[in-house]
mmCIF file of all heavy atoms, coordinates in Angstrom:
data_MODEL
# 
_entry.id   MODEL 
# 
loop_
_atom_site.group_PDB 
_atom_site.id 
_atom_site.type_symbol 
_atom_site.label_atom_id 
_atom_site.label_alt_id 
_atom_site.label_comp_id 
_atom_site.label_asym_id 
_atom_site.label_entity_id 
_atom_site.label_seq_id 
_atom_site.pdbx_PDB_ins_code 
_atom_site.Cartn_x 
_atom_site.Cartn_y 
_atom_site.Cartn_z 
_atom_site.occupancy 
_atom_site.B_iso_or_equiv 
_atom_site.pdbx_formal_charge 
_atom_site.auth_seq_id 
_atom_site.auth_comp_id 
_atom_site.auth_asym_id 
_atom_site.auth_atom_id 
_atom_site.pdbx_PDB_model_num 
ATOM 1   N N   . GLY A 1 1  ? -4.410  -55.993 26.290 1.00 0.00 ? 1  GLY A N   1 
ATOM 2   C CA  . GLY A 1 1  ? -5.328  -57.076 26.572 1.00 0.00 ? 1  GLY A CA  1 
ATOM 3   C C   . GLY A 1 1  ? -6.661  -56.583 26.991 1.00 0.00 ? 1  GLY A C   1 
ATOM 4   O O   . GLY A 1 1  ? -6.845  -55.387 27.270 1.00 0.00 ? 1  GLY A O   1 
ATOM 5   N N   . PRO A 1 2  ? -7.700  -57.422 27.046 1.00 0.00 ? 2  PRO A N   1 
ATOM 6   C CA  . PRO A 1 2  ? -9.082  -56.961 27.450 1.00 0.00 ? 2  PRO A CA  1 
ATOM 7   C C   . PRO A 1 2  ? -9.129  -56.302 28.835 1.00 0.00 ? 2  PRO A C   1 
ATOM 8   O O   . PRO A 1 2  ? -10.009 -55.476 29.016 1.00 0.00 ? 2  PRO A O   1 
ATOM 9   C CB  . PRO A 1 2  ? -9.908  -58.259 27.383 1.00 0.00 ? 2  PRO A CB  1 
ATOM 10  C CG  . PRO A 1 2  ? -9.094  -59.191 26.462 1.00 0.00 ? 2  PRO A CG  1 
ATOM 11  C CD  . PRO A 1 2  ? -7.653  -58.856 26.699 1.00 0.00 ? 2  PRO A CD  1 
ATOM 12  N N   . ASP A 1 3  ? -8.187  -56.640 29.654 1.00 0.00 ? 3  ASP A N   1 
ATOM 13  C CA  . ASP A 1 3  ? -8.168  -56.084 31.045 1.00 0.00 ? 3  ASP A CA  1 
ATOM 14  C C   . ASP A 1 3  ? -7.391  -54.751 31.045 1.00 0.00 ? 3  ASP A C   1 
ATOM 15  O O   . ASP A 1 3  ? -7.217  -54.226 32.152 1.00 0.00 ? 3  ASP A O   1 
ATOM 16  C CB  . ASP A 1 3  ? -7.610  -57.068 32.041 1.00 0.00 ? 3  ASP A CB  1 
ATOM 17  C CG  . ASP A 1 3  ? -6.142  -57.447 31.774 1.00 0.00 ? 3  ASP A CG  1 
ATOM 18  O OD1 . ASP A 1 3  ? -5.610  -57.043 30.716 1.00 0.00 ? 3  ASP A OD1 1 
ATOM 19  O OD2 . ASP A 1 3  ? -5.566  -58.128 32.629 1.00 0.00 ? 3  ASP A OD2 1 
ATOM 20  N N   . GLY A 1 4  ? -6.907  -54.269 29.930 1.00 0.00 ? 4  GLY A N   1 
ATOM 21  C CA  . GLY A 1 4  ? -6.200  -53.015 29.937 1.00 0.00 ? 4  GLY A CA  1 
ATOM 22  C C   . GLY A 1 4  ? -4.683  -53.160 30.085 1.00 0.00 ? 4  GLY A C   1 
ATOM 23  O O   . GLY A 1 4  ? -3.982  -52.109 30.111 1.00 0.00 ? 4  GLY A O   1 
ATOM 24  N N   . THR A 1 5  ? -4.198  -54.357 30.181 1.00 0.00 ? 5  THR A N   1 
ATOM 25  C CA  . THR A 1 5  ? -2.764  -54.604 30.373 1.00 0.00 ? 5  THR A CA  1 
ATOM 26  C C   . THR A 1 5  ? -1.989  -54.335 29.053 1.00 0.00 ? 5  THR A C   1 
ATOM 27  O O   . THR A 1 5  ? -2.431  -54.857 27.983 1.00 0.00 ? 5  THR A O   1 
ATOM 28  C CB  . THR A 1 5  ? -2.464  -56.035 30.798 1.00 0.00 ? 5  THR A CB  1 
ATOM 29  O OG1 . THR A 1 5  ? -3.139  -56.270 32.040 1.00 0.00 ? 5  THR A OG1 1 
ATOM 30  C CG2 . THR A 1 5  ? -0.945  -56.316 30.950 1.00 0.00 ? 5  THR A CG2 1 
ATOM 31  N N   . LEU A 1 6  ? -0.985  -53.551 29.100 1.00 0.00 ? 6  LEU A N   1 
ATOM 32  C CA  . LEU A 1 6  ? -0.172  -53.293 27.919 1.00 0.00 ? 6  LEU A CA  1 
ATOM 33  C C   . LEU A 1 6  ? 0.636   -54.535 27.511 1.00 0.00 ? 6  LEU A C   1 
ATOM 34  O O   . LEU A 1 6  ? 1.329   -55.084 28.342 1.00 0.00 ? 6  LEU A O   1 
ATOM 35  C CB  . LEU A 1 6  ? 0.761   -52.120 28.170 1.00 0.00 ? 6  LEU A CB  1 
ATOM 36  C CG  . LEU A 1 6  ? 1.635   -51.732 26.986 1.00 0.00 ? 6  LEU A CG  1 
ATOM 37  C CD1 . LEU A 1 6  ? 0.805   -51.089 25.863 1.00 0.00 ? 6  LEU A CD1 1 
ATOM 38  C CD2 . LEU A 1 6  ? 2.741   -50.722 27.385 1.00 0.00 ? 6  LEU A CD2 1 
ATOM 39  N N   . LEU A 1 7  ? 0.407   -55.026 26.280 1.00 0.00 ? 7  LEU A N   1 
ATOM 40  C CA  . LEU A 1 7  ? 1.050   -56.211 25.859 1.00 0.00 ? 7  LEU A CA  1 
ATOM 41  C C   . LEU A 1 7  ? 2.197   -55.975 24.793 1.00 0.00 ? 7  LEU A C   1 
ATOM 42  O O   . LEU A 1 7  ? 3.083   -56.746 24.725 1.00 0.00 ? 7  LEU A O   1 
ATOM 43  C CB  . LEU A 1 7  ? 0.007   -57.146 25.197 1.00 0.00 ? 7  LEU A CB  1 
ATOM 44  C CG  . LEU A 1 7  ? -1.123  -57.573 26.026 1.00 0.00 ? 7  LEU A CG  1 
ATOM 45  C CD1 . LEU A 1 7  ? -2.136  -58.406 25.272 1.00 0.00 ? 7  LEU A CD1 1 
ATOM 46  C CD2 . LEU A 1 7  ? -0.705  -58.365 27.302 1.00 0.00 ? 7  LEU A CD2 1 
ATOM 47  N N   . TRP A 1 8  ? 2.033   -54.848 24.099 1.00 0.00 ? 8  TRP A N   1 
ATOM 48  C CA  . TRP A 1 8  ? 2.961   -54.578 22.984 1.00 0.00 ? 8  TRP A CA  1 
ATOM 49  C C   . TRP A 1 8  ? 2.987   -53.052 22.734 1.00 0.00 ? 8  TRP A C   1 
ATOM 50  O O   . TRP A 1 8  ? 1.911   -52.423 22.851 1.00 0.00 ? 8  TRP A O   1 
ATOM 51  C CB  . TRP A 1 8  ? 2.528   -55.358 21.783 1.00 0.00 ? 8  TRP A CB  1 
ATOM 52  C CG  . TRP A 1 8  ? 3.329   -55.233 20.580 1.00 0.00 ? 8  TRP A CG  1 
ATOM 53  C CD1 . TRP A 1 8  ? 4.365   -56.105 20.223 1.00 0.00 ? 8  TRP A CD1 1 
ATOM 54  C CD2 . TRP A 1 8  ? 3.230   -54.311 19.492 1.00 0.00 ? 8  TRP A CD2 1 
ATOM 55  N NE1 . TRP A 1 8  ? 4.929   -55.691 18.979 1.00 0.00 ? 8  TRP A NE1 1 
ATOM 56  C CE2 . TRP A 1 8  ? 4.248   -54.610 18.524 1.00 0.00 ? 8  TRP A CE2 1 
ATOM 57  C CE3 . TRP A 1 8  ? 2.401   -53.226 19.236 1.00 0.00 ? 8  TRP A CE3 1 
ATOM 58  C CZ2 . TRP A 1 8  ? 4.390   -53.872 17.358 1.00 0.00 ? 8  TRP A CZ2 1 
ATOM 59  C CZ3 . TRP A 1 8  ? 2.617   -52.461 18.057 1.00 0.00 ? 8  TRP A CZ3 1 
ATOM 60  C CH2 . TRP A 1 8  ? 3.567   -52.814 17.150 1.00 0.00 ? 8  TRP A CH2 1 
ATOM 61  N N   . ASP A 1 9  ? 4.144   -52.527 22.443 1.00 0.00 ? 9  ASP A N   1 
ATOM 62  C CA  . ASP A 1 9  ? 4.276   -51.063 22.314 1.00 0.00 ? 9  ASP A CA  1 
ATOM 63  C C   . ASP A 1 9  ? 5.236   -50.765 21.203 1.00 0.00 ? 9  ASP A C   1 
ATOM 64  O O   . ASP A 1 9  ? 6.388   -51.340 21.205 1.00 0.00 ? 9  ASP A O   1 
ATOM 65  C CB  . ASP A 1 9  ? 4.699   -50.477 23.662 1.00 0.00 ? 9  ASP A CB  1 
ATOM 66  C CG  . ASP A 1 9  ? 4.182   -49.078 23.868 1.00 0.00 ? 9  ASP A CG  1 
ATOM 67  O OD1 . ASP A 1 9  ? 3.091   -48.720 23.355 1.00 0.00 ? 9  ASP A OD1 1 
ATOM 68  O OD2 . ASP A 1 9  ? 4.918   -48.302 24.566 1.00 0.00 ? 9  ASP A OD2 1 
ATOM 69  N N   . ALA A 1 10 ? 4.941   -49.902 20.348 1.00 0.00 ? 10 ALA A N   1 
ATOM 70  C CA  . ALA A 1 10 ? 5.838   -49.418 19.265 1.00 0.00 ? 10 ALA A CA  1 
ATOM 71  C C   . ALA A 1 10 ? 5.974   -47.870 19.436 1.00 0.00 ? 10 ALA A C   1 
ATOM 72  O O   . ALA A 1 10 ? 5.044   -47.187 19.600 1.00 0.00 ? 10 ALA A O   1 
ATOM 73  C CB  . ALA A 1 10 ? 5.295   -49.772 17.898 1.00 0.00 ? 10 ALA A CB  1 
ATOM 74  N N   . GLU A 1 11 ? 7.248   -47.472 19.372 1.00 0.00 ? 11 GLU A N   1 
ATOM 75  C CA  . GLU A 1 11 ? 7.557   -46.023 19.498 1.00 0.00 ? 11 GLU A CA  1 
ATOM 76  C C   . GLU A 1 11 ? 8.249   -45.537 18.221 1.00 0.00 ? 11 GLU A C   1 
ATOM 77  O O   . GLU A 1 11 ? 9.228   -46.108 17.816 1.00 0.00 ? 11 GLU A O   1 
ATOM 78  C CB  . GLU A 1 11 ? 8.425   -45.769 20.691 1.00 0.00 ? 11 GLU A CB  1 
ATOM 79  C CG  . GLU A 1 11 ? 8.784   -44.292 20.911 1.00 0.00 ? 11 GLU A CG  1 
ATOM 80  C CD  . GLU A 1 11 ? 9.753   -44.090 22.027 1.00 0.00 ? 11 GLU A CD  1 
ATOM 81  O OE1 . GLU A 1 11 ? 10.140  -45.104 22.701 1.00 0.00 ? 11 GLU A OE1 1 
ATOM 82  O OE2 . GLU A 1 11 ? 10.102  -42.907 22.304 1.00 0.00 ? 11 GLU A OE2 1 
ATOM 83  N N   . LEU A 1 12 ? 7.622   -44.510 17.618 1.00 0.00 ? 12 LEU A N   1 
ATOM 84  C CA  . LEU A 1 12 ? 8.314   -43.839 16.462 1.00 0.00 ? 12 LEU A CA  1 
ATOM 85  C C   . LEU A 1 12 ? 9.281   -42.820 16.981 1.00 0.00 ? 12 LEU A C   1 
ATOM 86  O O   . LEU A 1 12 ? 9.247   -42.374 18.181 1.00 0.00 ? 12 LEU A O   1 
ATOM 87  C CB  . LEU A 1 12 ? 7.229   -43.156 15.639 1.00 0.00 ? 12 LEU A CB  1 
ATOM 88  C CG  . LEU A 1 12 ? 6.263   -44.029 14.834 1.00 0.00 ? 12 LEU A CG  1 
ATOM 89  C CD1 . LEU A 1 12 ? 4.966   -43.320 14.433 1.00 0.00 ? 12 LEU A CD1 1 
ATOM 90  C CD2 . LEU A 1 12 ? 6.962   -44.541 13.570 1.00 0.00 ? 12 LEU A CD2 1 
ATOM 91  N N   . PRO A 1 13 ? 10.228  -42.404 16.137 1.00 0.00 ? 13 PRO A N   1 
ATOM 92  C CA  . PRO A 1 13 ? 11.160  -41.353 16.562 1.00 0.00 ? 13 PRO A CA  1 
ATOM 93  C C   . PRO A 1 13 ? 10.389  -40.086 16.891 1.00 0.00 ? 13 PRO A C   1 
ATOM 94  O O   . PRO A 1 13 ? 9.248   -39.810 16.481 1.00 0.00 ? 13 PRO A O   1 
ATOM 95  C CB  . PRO A 1 13 ? 12.008  -41.144 15.287 1.00 0.00 ? 13 PRO A CB  1 
ATOM 96  C CG  . PRO A 1 13 ? 11.922  -42.355 14.528 1.00 0.00 ? 13 PRO A CG  1 
ATOM 97  C CD  . PRO A 1 13 ? 10.537  -42.885 14.803 1.00 0.00 ? 13 PRO A CD  1 
ATOM 98  N N   . PRO A 1 14 ? 10.971  -39.193 17.728 1.00 0.00 ? 14 PRO A N   1 
ATOM 99  C CA  . PRO A 1 14 ? 10.292  -37.978 18.113 1.00 0.00 ? 14 PRO A CA  1 
ATOM 100 C C   . PRO A 1 14 ? 9.913   -37.156 16.906 1.00 0.00 ? 14 PRO A C   1 
ATOM 101 O O   . PRO A 1 14 ? 10.611  -37.192 15.890 1.00 0.00 ? 14 PRO A O   1 
ATOM 102 C CB  . PRO A 1 14 ? 11.346  -37.221 18.954 1.00 0.00 ? 14 PRO A CB  1 
ATOM 103 C CG  . PRO A 1 14 ? 12.244  -38.318 19.475 1.00 0.00 ? 14 PRO A CG  1 
ATOM 104 C CD  . PRO A 1 14 ? 12.300  -39.363 18.410 1.00 0.00 ? 14 PRO A CD  1 
ATOM 105 N N   . HIS A 1 15 ? 8.804   -36.416 17.014 1.00 0.00 ? 15 HIS A N   1 
ATOM 106 C CA  . HIS A 1 15 ? 8.297   -35.541 16.002 1.00 0.00 ? 15 HIS A CA  1 
ATOM 107 C C   . HIS A 1 15 ? 7.675   -36.239 14.853 1.00 0.00 ? 15 HIS A C   1 
ATOM 108 O O   . HIS A 1 15 ? 7.252   -35.590 13.856 1.00 0.00 ? 15 HIS A O   1 
ATOM 109 C CB  . HIS A 1 15 ? 9.405   -34.579 15.550 1.00 0.00 ? 15 HIS A CB  1 
ATOM 110 C CG  . HIS A 1 15 ? 10.191  -33.915 16.662 1.00 0.00 ? 15 HIS A CG  1 
ATOM 111 N ND1 . HIS A 1 15 ? 9.534   -33.076 17.633 1.00 0.00 ? 15 HIS A ND1 1 
ATOM 112 C CD2 . HIS A 1 15 ? 11.473  -33.946 16.961 1.00 0.00 ? 15 HIS A CD2 1 
ATOM 113 C CE1 . HIS A 1 15 ? 10.429  -32.719 18.472 1.00 0.00 ? 15 HIS A CE1 1 
ATOM 114 N NE2 . HIS A 1 15 ? 11.592  -33.200 18.115 1.00 0.00 ? 15 HIS A NE2 1 
ATOM 115 N N   . LEU A 1 16 ? 7.590   -37.578 14.876 1.00 0.00 ? 16 LEU A N   1 
ATOM 116 C CA  . LEU A 1 16 ? 6.823   -38.300 13.856 1.00 0.00 ? 16 LEU A CA  1 
ATOM 117 C C   . LEU A 1 16 ? 5.471   -38.699 14.429 1.00 0.00 ? 16 LEU A C   1 
ATOM 118 O O   . LEU A 1 16 ? 5.289   -38.827 15.644 1.00 0.00 ? 16 LEU A O   1 
ATOM 119 C CB  . LEU A 1 16 ? 7.584   -39.509 13.366 1.00 0.00 ? 16 LEU A CB  1 
ATOM 120 C CG  . LEU A 1 16 ? 8.522   -39.278 12.162 1.00 0.00 ? 16 LEU A CG  1 
ATOM 121 C CD1 . LEU A 1 16 ? 9.773   -38.501 12.483 1.00 0.00 ? 16 LEU A CD1 1 
ATOM 122 C CD2 . LEU A 1 16 ? 8.870   -40.613 11.511 1.00 0.00 ? 16 LEU A CD2 1 
ATOM 123 N N   . TYR A 1 17 ? 4.574   -38.990 13.494 1.00 0.00 ? 17 TYR A N   1 
ATOM 124 C CA  . TYR A 1 17 ? 3.251   -39.383 13.955 1.00 0.00 ? 17 TYR A CA  1 
ATOM 125 C C   . TYR A 1 17 ? 2.645   -40.220 12.845 1.00 0.00 ? 17 TYR A C   1 
ATOM 126 O O   . TYR A 1 17 ? 3.105   -40.260 11.670 1.00 0.00 ? 17 TYR A O   1 
ATOM 127 C CB  . TYR A 1 17 ? 2.378   -38.165 14.195 1.00 0.00 ? 17 TYR A CB  1 
ATOM 128 C CG  . TYR A 1 17 ? 2.485   -37.086 13.136 1.00 0.00 ? 17 TYR A CG  1 
ATOM 129 C CD1 . TYR A 1 17 ? 1.907   -37.253 11.900 1.00 0.00 ? 17 TYR A CD1 1 
ATOM 130 C CD2 . TYR A 1 17 ? 3.109   -35.873 13.449 1.00 0.00 ? 17 TYR A CD2 1 
ATOM 131 C CE1 . TYR A 1 17 ? 2.011   -36.245 10.895 1.00 0.00 ? 17 TYR A CE1 1 
ATOM 132 C CE2 . TYR A 1 17 ? 3.268   -34.876 12.462 1.00 0.00 ? 17 TYR A CE2 1 
ATOM 133 C CZ  . TYR A 1 17 ? 2.664   -35.065 11.200 1.00 0.00 ? 17 TYR A CZ  1 
ATOM 134 O OH  . TYR A 1 17 ? 2.771   -34.115 10.295 1.00 0.00 ? 17 TYR A OH  1 
ATOM 135 N N   . THR A 1 18 ? 1.543   -40.936 13.146 1.00 0.00 ? 18 THR A N   1 
ATOM 136 C CA  . THR A 1 18 ? 0.745   -41.678 12.120 1.00 0.00 ? 18 THR A CA  1 
ATOM 137 C C   . THR A 1 18 ? -0.669  -41.331 12.463 1.00 0.00 ? 18 THR A C   1 
ATOM 138 O O   . THR A 1 18 ? -1.108  -41.445 13.603 1.00 0.00 ? 18 THR A O   1 
ATOM 139 C CB  . THR A 1 18 ? 1.073   -43.153 12.179 1.00 0.00 ? 18 THR A CB  1 
ATOM 140 O OG1 . THR A 1 18 ? 0.370   -43.758 11.054 1.00 0.00 ? 18 THR A OG1 1 
ATOM 141 C CG2 . THR A 1 18 ? 0.700   -43.825 13.489 1.00 0.00 ? 18 THR A CG2 1 
ATOM 142 N N   . TYR A 1 19 ? -1.417  -40.943 11.414 1.00 0.00 ? 19 TYR A N   1 
ATOM 143 C CA  . TYR A 1 19 ? -2.853  -40.532 11.604 1.00 0.00 ? 19 TYR A CA  1 
ATOM 144 C C   . TYR A 1 19 ? -3.605  -41.698 12.244 1.00 0.00 ? 19 TYR A C   1 
ATOM 145 O O   . TYR A 1 19 ? -4.391  -41.458 13.213 1.00 0.00 ? 19 TYR A O   1 
ATOM 146 C CB  . TYR A 1 19 ? -3.386  -40.072 10.248 1.00 0.00 ? 19 TYR A CB  1 
ATOM 147 C CG  . TYR A 1 19 ? -4.918  -39.744 10.402 1.00 0.00 ? 19 TYR A CG  1 
ATOM 148 C CD1 . TYR A 1 19 ? -5.290  -38.610 11.109 1.00 0.00 ? 19 TYR A CD1 1 
ATOM 149 C CD2 . TYR A 1 19 ? -5.865  -40.491 9.733  1.00 0.00 ? 19 TYR A CD2 1 
ATOM 150 C CE1 . TYR A 1 19 ? -6.651  -38.294 11.217 1.00 0.00 ? 19 TYR A CE1 1 
ATOM 151 C CE2 . TYR A 1 19 ? -7.176  -40.200 9.813  1.00 0.00 ? 19 TYR A CE2 1 
ATOM 152 C CZ  . TYR A 1 19 ? -7.618  -39.110 10.573 1.00 0.00 ? 19 TYR A CZ  1 
ATOM 153 O OH  . TYR A 1 19 ? -8.967  -38.799 10.648 1.00 0.00 ? 19 TYR A OH  1 
ATOM 154 N N   . ARG A 1 20 ? -3.536  -42.830 11.610 1.00 0.00 ? 20 ARG A N   1 
ATOM 155 C CA  . ARG A 1 20 ? -4.172  -44.049 12.130 1.00 0.00 ? 20 ARG A CA  1 
ATOM 156 C C   . ARG A 1 20 ? -3.201  -45.251 12.087 1.00 0.00 ? 20 ARG A C   1 
ATOM 157 O O   . ARG A 1 20 ? -2.287  -45.202 11.311 1.00 0.00 ? 20 ARG A O   1 
ATOM 158 C CB  . ARG A 1 20 ? -5.464  -44.411 11.364 1.00 0.00 ? 20 ARG A CB  1 
ATOM 159 C CG  . ARG A 1 20 ? -6.628  -43.594 11.703 1.00 0.00 ? 20 ARG A CG  1 
ATOM 160 C CD  . ARG A 1 20 ? -7.860  -44.032 10.981 1.00 0.00 ? 20 ARG A CD  1 
ATOM 161 N NE  . ARG A 1 20 ? -8.980  -43.090 11.242 1.00 0.00 ? 20 ARG A NE  1 
ATOM 162 C CZ  . ARG A 1 20 ? -10.031 -42.894 10.417 1.00 0.00 ? 20 ARG A CZ  1 
ATOM 163 N NH1 . ARG A 1 20 ? -10.010 -43.440 9.235  1.00 0.00 ? 20 ARG A NH1 1 
ATOM 164 N NH2 . ARG A 1 20 ? -10.974 -42.029 10.740 1.00 0.00 ? 20 ARG A NH2 1 
ATOM 165 N N   . ALA A 1 21 ? -3.493  -46.224 12.954 1.00 0.00 ? 21 ALA A N   1 
ATOM 166 C CA  . ALA A 1 21 ? -2.740  -47.466 12.954 1.00 0.00 ? 21 ALA A CA  1 
ATOM 167 C C   . ALA A 1 21 ? -3.747  -48.574 12.921 1.00 0.00 ? 21 ALA A C   1 
ATOM 168 O O   . ALA A 1 21 ? -4.761  -48.548 13.628 1.00 0.00 ? 21 ALA A O   1 
ATOM 169 C CB  . ALA A 1 21 ? -1.816  -47.554 14.158 1.00 0.00 ? 21 ALA A CB  1 
ATOM 170 N N   . ARG A 1 22 ? -3.408  -49.623 12.100 1.00 0.00 ? 22 ARG A N   1 
ATOM 171 C CA  . ARG A 1 22 ? -4.296  -50.749 12.013 1.00 0.00 ? 22 ARG A CA  1 
ATOM 172 C C   . ARG A 1 22 ? -3.405  -51.980 12.028 1.00 0.00 ? 22 ARG A C   1 
ATOM 173 O O   . ARG A 1 22 ? -2.264  -51.997 11.501 1.00 0.00 ? 22 ARG A O   1 
ATOM 174 C CB  . ARG A 1 22 ? -5.145  -50.738 10.701 1.00 0.00 ? 22 ARG A CB  1 
ATOM 175 C CG  . ARG A 1 22 ? -6.204  -49.636 10.664 1.00 0.00 ? 22 ARG A CG  1 
ATOM 176 C CD  . ARG A 1 22 ? -7.366  -50.016 11.563 1.00 0.00 ? 22 ARG A CD  1 
ATOM 177 N NE  . ARG A 1 22 ? -8.514  -49.046 11.382 1.00 0.00 ? 22 ARG A NE  1 
ATOM 178 C CZ  . ARG A 1 22 ? -8.723  -48.034 12.186 1.00 0.00 ? 22 ARG A CZ  1 
ATOM 179 N NH1 . ARG A 1 22 ? -7.930  -47.777 13.212 1.00 0.00 ? 22 ARG A NH1 1 
ATOM 180 N NH2 . ARG A 1 22 ? -9.789  -47.278 11.959 1.00 0.00 ? 22 ARG A NH2 1 
ATOM 181 N N   . ARG A 1 23 ? -3.969  -53.094 12.583 1.00 0.00 ? 23 ARG A N   1 
ATOM 182 C CA  . ARG A 1 23 ? -3.312  -54.379 12.517 1.00 0.00 ? 23 ARG A CA  1 
ATOM 183 C C   . ARG A 1 23 ? -4.181  -55.393 11.666 1.00 0.00 ? 23 ARG A C   1 
ATOM 184 O O   . ARG A 1 23 ? -5.376  -55.409 11.939 1.00 0.00 ? 23 ARG A O   1 
ATOM 185 C CB  . ARG A 1 23 ? -2.975  -54.988 13.867 1.00 0.00 ? 23 ARG A CB  1 
ATOM 186 C CG  . ARG A 1 23 ? -2.098  -56.230 13.728 1.00 0.00 ? 23 ARG A CG  1 
ATOM 187 C CD  . ARG A 1 23 ? -1.792  -56.887 15.114 1.00 0.00 ? 23 ARG A CD  1 
ATOM 188 N NE  . ARG A 1 23 ? -1.105  -56.011 16.046 1.00 0.00 ? 23 ARG A NE  1 
ATOM 189 C CZ  . ARG A 1 23 ? 0.183   -55.756 15.945 1.00 0.00 ? 23 ARG A CZ  1 
ATOM 190 N NH1 . ARG A 1 23 ? 0.864   -56.106 14.902 1.00 0.00 ? 23 ARG A NH1 1 
ATOM 191 N NH2 . ARG A 1 23 ? 0.770   -54.973 16.873 1.00 0.00 ? 23 ARG A NH2 1 
ATOM 192 N N   . SER A 1 24 ? -3.567  -56.064 10.757 1.00 0.00 ? 24 SER A N   1 
ATOM 193 C CA  . SER A 1 24 ? -4.359  -56.992 9.914  1.00 0.00 ? 24 SER A CA  1 
ATOM 194 C C   . SER A 1 24 ? -3.448  -58.061 9.353  1.00 0.00 ? 24 SER A C   1 
ATOM 195 O O   . SER A 1 24 ? -2.248  -57.861 9.215  1.00 0.00 ? 24 SER A O   1 
ATOM 196 C CB  . SER A 1 24 ? -5.011  -56.166 8.769  1.00 0.00 ? 24 SER A CB  1 
ATOM 197 O OG  . SER A 1 24 ? -5.775  -57.028 7.951  1.00 0.00 ? 24 SER A OG  1 
ATOM 198 N N   . SER A 1 25 ? -4.026  -59.174 9.023  1.00 0.00 ? 25 SER A N   1 
ATOM 199 C CA  . SER A 1 25 ? -3.283  -60.203 8.312  1.00 0.00 ? 25 SER A CA  1 
ATOM 200 C C   . SER A 1 25 ? -3.145  -59.725 6.848  1.00 0.00 ? 25 SER A C   1 
ATOM 201 O O   . SER A 1 25 ? -4.030  -59.077 6.301  1.00 0.00 ? 25 SER A O   1 
ATOM 202 C CB  . SER A 1 25 ? -4.037  -61.577 8.339  1.00 0.00 ? 25 SER A CB  1 
ATOM 203 O OG  . SER A 1 25 ? -5.324  -61.422 7.753  1.00 0.00 ? 25 SER A OG  1 
ATOM 204 N N   . TRP A 1 26 ? -1.988  -60.106 6.292  1.00 0.00 ? 26 TRP A N   1 
ATOM 205 C CA  . TRP A 1 26 ? -1.705  -59.633 4.890  1.00 0.00 ? 26 TRP A CA  1 
ATOM 206 C C   . TRP A 1 26 ? -0.743  -60.598 4.291  1.00 0.00 ? 26 TRP A C   1 
ATOM 207 O O   . TRP A 1 26 ? 0.312   -60.866 4.872  1.00 0.00 ? 26 TRP A O   1 
ATOM 208 C CB  . TRP A 1 26 ? -1.152  -58.177 4.895  1.00 0.00 ? 26 TRP A CB  1 
ATOM 209 C CG  . TRP A 1 26 ? -0.723  -57.709 3.537  1.00 0.00 ? 26 TRP A CG  1 
ATOM 210 C CD1 . TRP A 1 26 ? 0.601   -57.404 3.122  1.00 0.00 ? 26 TRP A CD1 1 
ATOM 211 C CD2 . TRP A 1 26 ? -1.487  -57.469 2.401  1.00 0.00 ? 26 TRP A CD2 1 
ATOM 212 N NE1 . TRP A 1 26 ? 0.611   -56.975 1.830  1.00 0.00 ? 26 TRP A NE1 1 
ATOM 213 C CE2 . TRP A 1 26 ? -0.687  -56.976 1.342  1.00 0.00 ? 26 TRP A CE2 1 
ATOM 214 C CE3 . TRP A 1 26 ? -2.906  -57.566 2.076  1.00 0.00 ? 26 TRP A CE3 1 
ATOM 215 C CZ2 . TRP A 1 26 ? -1.155  -56.708 0.057  1.00 0.00 ? 26 TRP A CZ2 1 
ATOM 216 C CZ3 . TRP A 1 26 ? -3.360  -57.271 0.885  1.00 0.00 ? 26 TRP A CZ3 1 
ATOM 217 C CH2 . TRP A 1 26 ? -2.497  -56.788 -0.068 1.00 0.00 ? 26 TRP A CH2 1 
ATOM 218 N N   . VAL A 1 27 ? -1.075  -61.105 3.117  1.00 0.00 ? 27 VAL A N   1 
ATOM 219 C CA  . VAL A 1 27 ? -0.268  -62.050 2.399  1.00 0.00 ? 27 VAL A CA  1 
ATOM 220 C C   . VAL A 1 27 ? 0.043   -61.451 1.015  1.00 0.00 ? 27 VAL A C   1 
ATOM 221 O O   . VAL A 1 27 ? -0.898  -61.058 0.308  1.00 0.00 ? 27 VAL A O   1 
ATOM 222 C CB  . VAL A 1 27 ? -0.955  -63.433 2.223  1.00 0.00 ? 27 VAL A CB  1 
ATOM 223 C CG1 . VAL A 1 27 ? -0.111  -64.358 1.388  1.00 0.00 ? 27 VAL A CG1 1 
ATOM 224 C CG2 . VAL A 1 27 ? -1.208  -64.040 3.578  1.00 0.00 ? 27 VAL A CG2 1 
ATOM 225 N N   . ALA A 1 28 ? 1.329   -61.389 0.652  1.00 0.00 ? 28 ALA A N   1 
ATOM 226 C CA  . ALA A 1 28 ? 1.687   -60.753 -0.561 1.00 0.00 ? 28 ALA A CA  1 
ATOM 227 C C   . ALA A 1 28 ? 2.935   -61.349 -1.235 1.00 0.00 ? 28 ALA A C   1 
ATOM 228 O O   . ALA A 1 28 ? 3.829   -61.780 -0.520 1.00 0.00 ? 28 ALA A O   1 
ATOM 229 C CB  . ALA A 1 28 ? 1.927   -59.241 -0.352 1.00 0.00 ? 28 ALA A CB  1 
# 
């Protein structure tokens, strides 16, 4: 949130990574 409160958290398995993460609306 704008005040720095953690609202949502996703954890990948150990030793994995993602260069960037983005959130967006998507209809398909």
